[in-house]
Amino acid sequence: MNQRYVVCLHGATICHVDDSFGNRSLKRKLREGETVLTDVNLEVAPGEFVYLLGRVGSGKSTLLKTLYAEIQLLHGEGYIAGFDLRKLRRRDIPYLRRKIGIVFQDYQLLTDRNVFMNLYYVMKATGWKRETQIRERIDQVLNLVDLSAKSYKMPFELSGGEQQRLVIARALLNSPKILLADEPTGNLDPVTADDIMRLFREIAQRGCAVVMSTHNTSLIENYPARAVLFTQGRIHEIDLEAELS
């Protein structure tokens, strides 16, 4: 893998396969799977901000799932954060996910624990041992997402925007090389979505790549960045300024 990139896909075929990390043969997985994207070539450098654009069902989420190894890459070359997606085994997935951050549209927070304990649980689960270091890191990420004053609140006591900022804080705990965000502003009002976009831009400026799928054209206009369009089972880069003018 070229060390200049945190994501590197060459000639990749992205397939949706049930239990893709199961023990079936590669041939059988390819036969049973649904091909979503073909000939995918994509490179993302540290600190880069990349939009994934396209209609519902065009393959954006499936590509993201392949990058965070919910779906196995079965054909072509693929690397993320130093991991070879073709050689990845189920037991390797937790180690990969410590190197990347994932922001889901539906938050997936622990509803029975407060803000602090949501983050504390993740840190213990990913191997952090020392209490002082855990608390310091939680303070750092809560400060970054402007939730320091809400650490004792339960998720249901937070607004939608605050919940999404908590999800982003959770994704940043292990200082990831890349943040993968699947429609992160889909459930938010325009002002709150704007706040989240400013936060993503700040994260990218600190050197963490951000790859984000979105339908929100107004956000794209306000925060122009590199853009990849998904259409007819393929991806290609587009000139956003030309498309929006």
C-alpha atoms as a PDB file:
ATOM      1  CA  MET A   1       0.000   0.000   0.000  1.00  0.00           C
ATOM      2  CA  ASN A   2       1.151   3.526  -0.797  1.00  0.00           C
ATOM      3  CA  GLN A   3       1.790   5.121   2.604  1.00  0.00           C
ATOM      4  CA  ARG A   4       0.671   8.505   1.282  1.00  0.00           C
ATOM      5  CA  TYR A   5      -2.939   7.311   1.384  1.00  0.00           C
ATOM      6  CA  VAL A   6      -5.189   6.201   4.208  1.00  0.00           C
ATOM      7  CA  VAL A   7      -7.615   4.607   1.698  1.00  0.00           C
ATOM      8  CA  CYS A   8      -6.489   2.872  -1.471  1.00  0.00           C
ATOM      9  CA  LEU A   9      -8.905   0.925  -3.714  1.00  0.00           C
ATOM     10  CA  HIS A  10      -7.767  -0.353  -7.121  1.00  0.00           C
ATOM     11  CA  GLY A  11      -9.992  -2.308  -9.491  1.00  0.00           C
ATOM     12  CA  ALA A  12     -12.255  -3.257  -6.592  1.00  0.00           C
ATOM     13  CA  THR A  13     -15.615  -4.964  -7.006  1.00  0.00           C
ATOM     14  CA  ILE A  14     -17.948  -4.122  -4.140  1.00  0.00           C
ATOM     15  CA  CYS A  15     -20.465  -6.898  -3.407  1.00  0.00           C
ATOM     16  CA  HIS A  16     -23.249  -7.186  -0.869  1.00  0.00           C
ATOM     17  CA  VAL A  17     -22.868 -10.670   0.637  1.00  0.00           C
ATOM     18  CA  ASP A  18     -24.655 -12.098   3.675  1.00  0.00           C
ATOM     19  CA  ASP A  19     -22.108 -13.177   6.312  1.00  0.00           C
ATOM     20  CA  SER A  20     -19.300 -12.264   3.926  1.00  0.00           C
ATOM     21  CA  PHE A  21     -16.614 -13.214   6.480  1.00  0.00           C
ATOM     22  CA  GLY A  22     -18.053 -16.730   6.811  1.00  0.00           C
ATOM     23  CA  ASN A  23     -16.253 -19.931   5.825  1.00  0.00           C
ATOM     24  CA  ARG A  24     -17.644 -20.328   2.294  1.00  0.00           C
ATOM     25  CA  SER A  25     -15.257 -20.263  -0.652  1.00  0.00           C
ATOM     26  CA  LEU A  26     -14.484 -17.015  -2.437  1.00  0.00           C
ATOM     27  CA  LYS A  27     -16.112 -18.398  -5.601  1.00  0.00           C
ATOM     28  CA  ARG A  28     -19.328 -19.193  -3.746  1.00  0.00           C
ATOM     29  CA  LYS A  29     -19.422 -15.776  -2.061  1.00  0.00           C
ATOM     30  CA  LEU A  30     -19.036 -14.060  -5.418  1.00  0.00           C
ATOM     31  CA  ARG A  31     -21.748 -16.268  -6.919  1.00  0.00           C
ATOM     32  CA  GLU A  32     -24.202 -15.656  -4.052  1.00  0.00           C
ATOM     33  CA  GLY A  33     -23.428 -11.974  -3.604  1.00  0.00           C
ATOM     34  CA  GLU A  34     -25.031  -8.984  -5.285  1.00  0.00           C
ATOM     35  CA  THR A  35     -22.499  -6.873  -7.199  1.00  0.00           C
ATOM     36  CA  VAL A  36     -23.066  -3.234  -6.273  1.00  0.00           C
ATOM     37  CA  LEU A  37     -20.037  -1.449  -7.747  1.00  0.00           C
ATOM     38  CA  THR A  38     -17.365  -2.495 -10.247  1.00  0.00           C
ATOM     39  CA  ASP A  39     -13.896  -1.195 -11.099  1.00  0.00           C
ATOM     40  CA  VAL A  40     -13.698   1.042  -8.037  1.00  0.00           C
ATOM     41  CA  ASN A  41     -10.543   3.170  -7.901  1.00  0.00           C
ATOM     42  CA  LEU A  42     -10.258   5.568  -4.986  1.00  0.00           C
ATOM     43  CA  GLU A  43      -7.377   7.073  -3.029  1.00  0.00           C
ATOM     44  CA  VAL A  44      -7.803   9.295   0.028  1.00  0.00           C
ATOM     45  CA  ALA A  45      -4.891  11.093   1.665  1.00  0.00           C
ATOM     46  CA  PRO A  46      -4.602  12.034   5.364  1.00  0.00           C
ATOM     47  CA  GLY A  47      -6.554  15.219   6.111  1.00  0.00           C
ATOM     48  CA  GLU A  48      -8.581  15.023   2.898  1.00  0.00           C
ATOM     49  CA  PHE A  49     -12.337  15.676   2.898  1.00  0.00           C
ATOM     50  CA  VAL A  50     -14.276  13.600   0.358  1.00  0.00           C
ATOM     51  CA  TYR A  51     -18.008  13.553  -0.384  1.00  0.00           C
ATOM     52  CA  LEU A  52     -19.712  10.409  -1.673  1.00  0.00           C
ATOM     53  CA  LEU A  53     -22.692  11.498  -3.777  1.00  0.00           C
ATOM     54  CA  GLY A  54     -25.457   9.522  -5.473  1.00  0.00           C
ATOM     55  CA  ARG A  55     -29.037   8.352  -5.216  1.00  0.00           C
ATOM     56  CA  VAL A  56     -30.315   5.978  -2.556  1.00  0.00           C
ATOM     57  CA  GLY A  57     -29.216   2.489  -3.549  1.00  0.00           C
ATOM     58  CA  SER A  58     -26.273   3.674  -5.635  1.00  0.00           C
ATOM     59  CA  GLY A  59     -23.736   1.932  -3.389  1.00  0.00           C
ATOM     60  CA  LYS A  60     -22.448   4.661  -1.070  1.00  0.00           C
ATOM     61  CA  SER A  61     -23.310   2.831   2.160  1.00  0.00           C
ATOM     62  CA  THR A  62     -22.075  -0.497   0.775  1.00  0.00           C
ATOM     63  CA  LEU A  63     -18.701   1.054  -0.040  1.00  0.00           C
ATOM     64  CA  LEU A  64     -18.465   2.514   3.469  1.00  0.00           C
ATOM     65  CA  LYS A  65     -19.406  -0.861   4.967  1.00  0.00           C
ATOM     66  CA  THR A  66     -16.622  -2.453   2.925  1.00  0.00           C
ATOM     67  CA  LEU A  67     -14.145   0.106   4.266  1.00  0.00           C
ATOM     68  CA  TYR A  68     -15.080  -0.581   7.892  1.00  0.00           C
ATOM     69  CA  ALA A  69     -15.291  -4.325   7.206  1.00  0.00           C
ATOM     70  CA  GLU A  70     -18.940  -5.040   7.773  1.00  0.00           C
ATOM     71  CA  ILE A  71     -18.752  -6.442   4.229  1.00  0.00           C
ATOM     72  CA  GLN A  72     -15.685  -8.277   2.934  1.00  0.00           C
ATOM     73  CA  LEU A  73     -13.824  -7.088  -0.159  1.00  0.00           C
ATOM     74  CA  LEU A  74     -13.813 -10.109  -2.465  1.00  0.00           C
ATOM     75  CA  HIS A  75     -12.194  -8.790  -5.652  1.00  0.00           C
ATOM     76  CA  GLY A  76      -9.528  -6.193  -6.448  1.00  0.00           C
ATOM     77  CA  GLU A  77      -7.150  -4.360  -4.121  1.00  0.00           C
ATOM     78  CA  GLY A  78      -8.216  -2.481  -0.998  1.00  0.00           C
ATOM     79  CA  TYR A  79      -6.370  -0.948   1.919  1.00  0.00           C
ATOM     80  CA  ILE A  80      -7.493   1.284   4.762  1.00  0.00           C
ATOM     81  CA  ALA A  81      -5.402   2.595   7.657  1.00  0.00           C
ATOM     82  CA  GLY A  82      -2.689   0.052   6.857  1.00  0.00           C
ATOM     83  CA  PHE A  83      -5.022  -2.975   6.704  1.00  0.00           C
ATOM     84  CA  ASP A  84      -5.372  -5.142   3.591  1.00  0.00           C
ATOM     85  CA  LEU A  85      -9.129  -5.595   3.129  1.00  0.00           C
ATOM     86  CA  ARG A  86      -8.655  -8.702   0.965  1.00  0.00           C
ATOM     87  CA  LYS A  87      -6.657 -10.501   3.670  1.00  0.00           C
ATOM     88  CA  LEU A  88      -8.762  -9.317   6.599  1.00  0.00           C
ATOM     89  CA  ARG A  89     -10.247 -12.013   8.847  1.00  0.00           C
ATOM     90  CA  ARG A  90     -13.113 -11.663  11.274  1.00  0.00           C
ATOM     91  CA  ARG A  91     -10.716 -11.630  14.247  1.00  0.00           C
ATOM     92  CA  ASP A  92      -8.851  -8.655  12.693  1.00  0.00           C
ATOM     93  CA  ILE A  93     -11.900  -6.399  12.452  1.00  0.00           C
ATOM     94  CA  PRO A  94     -11.747  -4.966  16.019  1.00  0.00           C
ATOM     95  CA  TYR A  95      -8.119  -3.931  15.408  1.00  0.00           C
ATOM     96  CA  LEU A  96      -9.050  -2.219  12.142  1.00  0.00           C
ATOM     97  CA  ARG A  97     -11.879  -0.333  13.827  1.00  0.00           C
ATOM     98  CA  ARG A  98      -9.504   1.075  16.427  1.00  0.00           C
ATOM     99  CA  LYS A  99      -7.725   2.847  13.569  1.00  0.00           C
ATOM    100  CA  ILE A 100     -10.847   4.344  11.991  1.00  0.00           C
ATOM    101  CA  GLY A 101     -13.839   6.307  13.220  1.00  0.00           C
ATOM    102  CA  ILE A 102     -17.412   5.539  12.144  1.00  0.00           C
ATOM    103  CA  VAL A 103     -20.316   7.998  12.323  1.00  0.00           C
ATOM    104  CA  PHE A 104     -23.747   6.454  11.737  1.00  0.00           C
ATOM    105  CA  GLN A 105     -26.944   8.321  10.886  1.00  0.00           C
ATOM    106  CA  ASP A 106     -28.875   6.487  13.611  1.00  0.00           C
ATOM    107  CA  TYR A 107     -26.320   7.259  16.364  1.00  0.00           C
ATOM    108  CA  GLN A 108     -26.224   3.752  17.971  1.00  0.00           C
ATOM    109  CA  LEU A 109     -25.644   5.188  21.440  1.00  0.00           C
ATOM    110  CA  LEU A 110     -26.005   3.233  24.672  1.00  0.00           C
ATOM    111  CA  THR A 111     -29.332   4.622  25.890  1.00  0.00           C
ATOM    112  CA  ASP A 112     -28.904   3.406  29.488  1.00  0.00           C
ATOM    113  CA  ARG A 113     -25.610   5.285  30.076  1.00  0.00           C
ATOM    114  CA  ASN A 114     -24.764   8.958  30.226  1.00  0.00           C
ATOM    115  CA  VAL A 115     -22.458  10.805  27.829  1.00  0.00           C
ATOM    116  CA  PHE A 116     -19.315  10.074  29.835  1.00  0.00           C
ATOM    117  CA  MET A 117     -20.112   6.379  30.259  1.00  0.00           C
ATOM    118  CA  ASN A 118     -20.911   5.967  26.551  1.00  0.00           C
ATOM    119  CA  LEU A 119     -17.337   7.020  25.829  1.00  0.00           C
ATOM    120  CA  TYR A 120     -15.846   5.194  28.816  1.00  0.00           C
ATOM    121  CA  TYR A 121     -17.407   1.906  27.683  1.00  0.00           C
ATOM    122  CA  VAL A 122     -15.871   2.196  24.212  1.00  0.00           C
ATOM    123  CA  MET A 123     -12.433   2.984  25.617  1.00  0.00           C
ATOM    124  CA  LYS A 124     -12.450   0.007  27.967  1.00  0.00           C
ATOM    125  CA  ALA A 125     -13.685  -2.221  25.134  1.00  0.00           C
ATOM    126  CA  THR A 126     -10.839  -1.094  22.876  1.00  0.00           C
ATOM    127  CA  GLY A 127      -8.074  -1.793  25.363  1.00  0.00           C
ATOM    128  CA  TRP A 128      -7.518   1.407  27.354  1.00  0.00           C
ATOM    129  CA  LYS A 129      -6.403   0.527  30.909  1.00  0.00           C
ATOM    130  CA  ARG A 130      -5.291   3.597  32.859  1.00  0.00           C
ATOM    131  CA  GLU A 131      -8.138   5.595  34.385  1.00  0.00           C
ATOM    132  CA  THR A 132      -6.279   8.909  34.234  1.00  0.00           C
ATOM    133  CA  GLN A 133      -5.582   8.484  30.500  1.00  0.00           C
ATOM    134  CA  ILE A 134      -9.178   7.439  29.836  1.00  0.00           C
ATOM    135  CA  ARG A 135     -10.575  10.492  31.620  1.00  0.00           C
ATOM    136  CA  GLU A 136      -8.096  12.827  29.924  1.00  0.00           C
ATOM    137  CA  ARG A 137      -9.010  11.524  26.476  1.00  0.00           C
ATOM    138  CA  ILE A 138     -12.754  11.750  27.176  1.00  0.00           C
ATOM    139  CA  ASP A 139     -12.279  15.366  28.313  1.00  0.00           C
ATOM    140  CA  GLN A 140     -10.341  16.113  25.110  1.00  0.00           C
ATOM    141  CA  VAL A 141     -12.945  14.757  22.686  1.00  0.00           C
ATOM    142  CA  LEU A 142     -15.888  16.255  24.602  1.00  0.00           C
ATOM    143  CA  ASN A 143     -14.147  19.623  24.495  1.00  0.00           C
ATOM    144  CA  LEU A 144     -13.549  19.246  20.750  1.00  0.00           C
ATOM    145  CA  VAL A 145     -17.252  18.621  20.063  1.00  0.00           C
ATOM    146  CA  ASP A 146     -18.388  21.229  22.607  1.00  0.00           C
ATOM    147  CA  LEU A 147     -20.097  18.782  24.977  1.00  0.00           C
ATOM    148  CA  SER A 148     -17.921  19.230  28.073  1.00  0.00           C
ATOM    149  CA  ALA A 149     -20.846  20.624  30.063  1.00  0.00           C
ATOM    150  CA  LYS A 150     -23.116  17.681  29.126  1.00  0.00           C
ATOM    151  CA  SER A 151     -21.004  14.711  30.268  1.00  0.00           C
ATOM    152  CA  TYR A 152     -23.558  13.716  32.947  1.00  0.00           C
ATOM    153  CA  LYS A 153     -26.576  13.895  30.583  1.00  0.00           C
ATOM    154  CA  MET A 154     -28.360  10.817  29.264  1.00  0.00           C
ATOM    155  CA  PRO A 155     -28.669  10.483  25.462  1.00  0.00           C
ATOM    156  CA  PHE A 156     -32.433  11.167  25.544  1.00  0.00           C
ATOM    157  CA  GLU A 157     -31.679  14.504  27.252  1.00  0.00           C
ATOM    158  CA  LEU A 158     -29.583  15.646  24.300  1.00  0.00           C
ATOM    159  CA  SER A 159     -30.811  17.290  21.104  1.00  0.00           C
ATOM    160  CA  GLY A 160     -30.303  15.512  17.784  1.00  0.00           C
ATOM    161  CA  GLY A 161     -27.261  17.655  17.046  1.00  0.00           C
ATOM    162  CA  GLU A 162     -25.775  16.962  20.478  1.00  0.00           C
ATOM    163  CA  GLN A 163     -26.301  13.228  20.011  1.00  0.00           C
ATOM    164  CA  GLN A 164     -24.511  13.389  16.669  1.00  0.00           C
ATOM    165  CA  ARG A 165     -21.647  15.336  18.244  1.00  0.00           C
ATOM    166  CA  LEU A 166     -21.414  12.606  20.882  1.00  0.00           C
ATOM    167  CA  VAL A 167     -21.223  10.005  18.098  1.00  0.00           C
ATOM    168  CA  ILE A 168     -18.380  12.009  16.536  1.00  0.00           C
ATOM    169  CA  ALA A 169     -16.617  12.224  19.917  1.00  0.00           C
ATOM    170  CA  ARG A 170     -16.920   8.437  20.224  1.00  0.00           C
ATOM    171  CA  ALA A 171     -15.464   8.007  16.733  1.00  0.00           C
ATOM    172  CA  LEU A 172     -12.458  10.176  17.640  1.00  0.00           C
ATOM    173  CA  LEU A 173     -11.522   8.440  20.910  1.00  0.00           C
ATOM    174  CA  ASN A 174      -8.724   6.332  19.420  1.00  0.00           C
ATOM    175  CA  SER A 175      -7.282   9.174  17.295  1.00  0.00           C
ATOM    176  CA  PRO A 176      -8.321   7.565  13.998  1.00  0.00           C
ATOM    177  CA  LYS A 177      -6.577   8.098  10.690  1.00  0.00           C
ATOM    178  CA  ILE A 178      -9.917   8.378   8.920  1.00  0.00           C
ATOM    179  CA  LEU A 179     -13.535   9.155   9.786  1.00  0.00           C
ATOM    180  CA  LEU A 180     -16.265   7.404   7.764  1.00  0.00           C
ATOM    181  CA  ALA A 181     -19.646   9.148   7.985  1.00  0.00           C
ATOM    182  CA  ASP A 182     -22.837   7.730   6.459  1.00  0.00           C
ATOM    183  CA  GLU A 183     -25.418  10.515   5.953  1.00  0.00           C
ATOM    184  CA  PRO A 184     -24.413  12.128   9.276  1.00  0.00           C
ATOM    185  CA  THR A 185     -26.654  15.172   8.793  1.00  0.00           C
ATOM    186  CA  GLY A 186     -29.665  13.281   7.401  1.00  0.00           C
ATOM    187  CA  ASN A 187     -31.828  13.708  10.524  1.00  0.00           C
ATOM    188  CA  LEU A 188     -30.688  17.218  11.469  1.00  0.00           C
ATOM    189  CA  ASP A 189     -32.138  20.669  10.834  1.00  0.00           C
ATOM    190  CA  PRO A 190     -30.081  23.004   8.575  1.00  0.00           C
ATOM    191  CA  VAL A 191     -28.469  25.018  11.391  1.00  0.00           C
ATOM    192  CA  THR A 192     -27.440  21.911  13.325  1.00  0.00           C
ATOM    193  CA  ALA A 193     -26.195  20.247  10.127  1.00  0.00           C
ATOM    194  CA  ASP A 194     -24.055  23.324   9.482  1.00  0.00           C
ATOM    195  CA  ASP A 195     -22.499  22.970  12.961  1.00  0.00           C
ATOM    196  CA  ILE A 196     -21.669  19.314  12.255  1.00  0.00           C
ATOM    197  CA  MET A 197     -20.064  20.239   8.920  1.00  0.00           C
ATOM    198  CA  ARG A 198     -17.859  22.846  10.567  1.00  0.00           C
ATOM    199  CA  LEU A 199     -16.775  20.205  13.056  1.00  0.00           C
ATOM    200  CA  PHE A 200     -15.937  17.747  10.261  1.00  0.00           C
ATOM    201  CA  ARG A 201     -13.877  20.406   8.496  1.00  0.00           C
ATOM    202  CA  GLU A 202     -11.954  21.086  11.701  1.00  0.00           C
ATOM    203  CA  ILE A 203     -11.304  17.346  12.140  1.00  0.00           C
ATOM    204  CA  ALA A 204      -9.931  17.139   8.587  1.00  0.00           C
ATOM    205  CA  GLN A 205      -7.725  20.177   9.163  1.00  0.00           C
ATOM    206  CA  ARG A 206      -6.200  18.325  12.123  1.00  0.00           C
ATOM    207  CA  GLY A 207      -5.053  15.599   9.723  1.00  0.00           C
ATOM    208  CA  CYS A 208      -7.811  12.985   9.991  1.00  0.00           C
ATOM    209  CA  ALA A 209      -9.322  12.157   6.583  1.00  0.00           C
ATOM    210  CA  VAL A 210     -13.120  12.461   6.382  1.00  0.00           C
ATOM    211  CA  VAL A 211     -15.179  10.440   3.886  1.00  0.00           C
ATOM    212  CA  MET A 212     -18.850  11.374   4.051  1.00  0.00           C
ATOM    213  CA  SER A 213     -21.908  10.253   2.099  1.00  0.00           C
ATOM    214  CA  THR A 214     -24.642  12.851   1.739  1.00  0.00           C
ATOM    215  CA  HIS A 215     -27.694  13.952  -0.262  1.00  0.00           C
ATOM    216  CA  ASN A 216     -27.604  17.492   1.112  1.00  0.00           C
ATOM    217  CA  THR A 217     -26.714  19.765  -1.807  1.00  0.00           C
ATOM    218  CA  SER A 218     -26.866  22.963   0.272  1.00  0.00           C
ATOM    219  CA  LEU A 219     -24.158  21.618   2.578  1.00  0.00           C
ATOM    220  CA  ILE A 220     -22.023  20.733  -0.418  1.00  0.00           C
ATOM    221  CA  GLU A 221     -22.396  24.276  -1.745  1.00  0.00           C
ATOM    222  CA  ASN A 222     -21.405  25.792   1.597  1.00  0.00           C
ATOM    223  CA  TYR A 223     -18.538  23.375   2.228  1.00  0.00           C
ATOM    224  CA  PRO A 224     -17.049  22.466  -1.167  1.00  0.00           C
ATOM    225  CA  ALA A 225     -14.608  19.567  -1.214  1.00  0.00           C
ATOM    226  CA  ARG A 226     -13.518  16.683  -3.392  1.00  0.00           C
ATOM    227  CA  ALA A 227     -16.559  14.747  -4.635  1.00  0.00           C
ATOM    228  CA  VAL A 228     -17.104  11.213  -5.949  1.00  0.00           C
ATOM    229  CA  LEU A 229     -20.346  10.431  -7.789  1.00  0.00           C
ATOM    230  CA  PHE A 230     -21.958   6.962  -7.657  1.00  0.00           C
ATOM    231  CA  THR A 231     -23.967   6.111 -10.757  1.00  0.00           C
ATOM    232  CA  GLN A 232     -24.864   2.964 -12.717  1.00  0.00           C
ATOM    233  CA  GLY A 233     -22.659   0.710 -10.615  1.00  0.00           C
ATOM    234  CA  ARG A 234     -19.509   2.792 -10.940  1.00  0.00           C
ATOM    235  CA  ILE A 235     -17.864   5.781  -9.311  1.00  0.00           C
ATOM    236  CA  HIS A 236     -16.126   8.771 -10.821  1.00  0.00           C
ATOM    237  CA  GLU A 237     -14.826  12.092  -9.565  1.00  0.00           C
ATOM    238  CA  ILE A 238     -16.750  15.223 -10.474  1.00  0.00           C
ATOM    239  CA  ASP A 239     -15.944  18.916 -10.514  1.00  0.00           C
ATOM    240  CA  LEU A 240     -18.316  20.244  -7.838  1.00  0.00           C
ATOM    241  CA  GLU A 241     -17.973  23.868  -8.841  1.00  0.00           C
ATOM    242  CA  ALA A 242     -18.920  23.047 -12.436  1.00  0.00           C
ATOM    243  CA  GLU A 243     -21.817  20.822 -11.325  1.00  0.00           C
ATOM    244  CA  LEU A 244     -23.268  23.414  -8.942  1.00  0.00           C
ATOM    245  CA  SER A 245     -22.787  26.488 -11.123  1.00  0.00           C
END
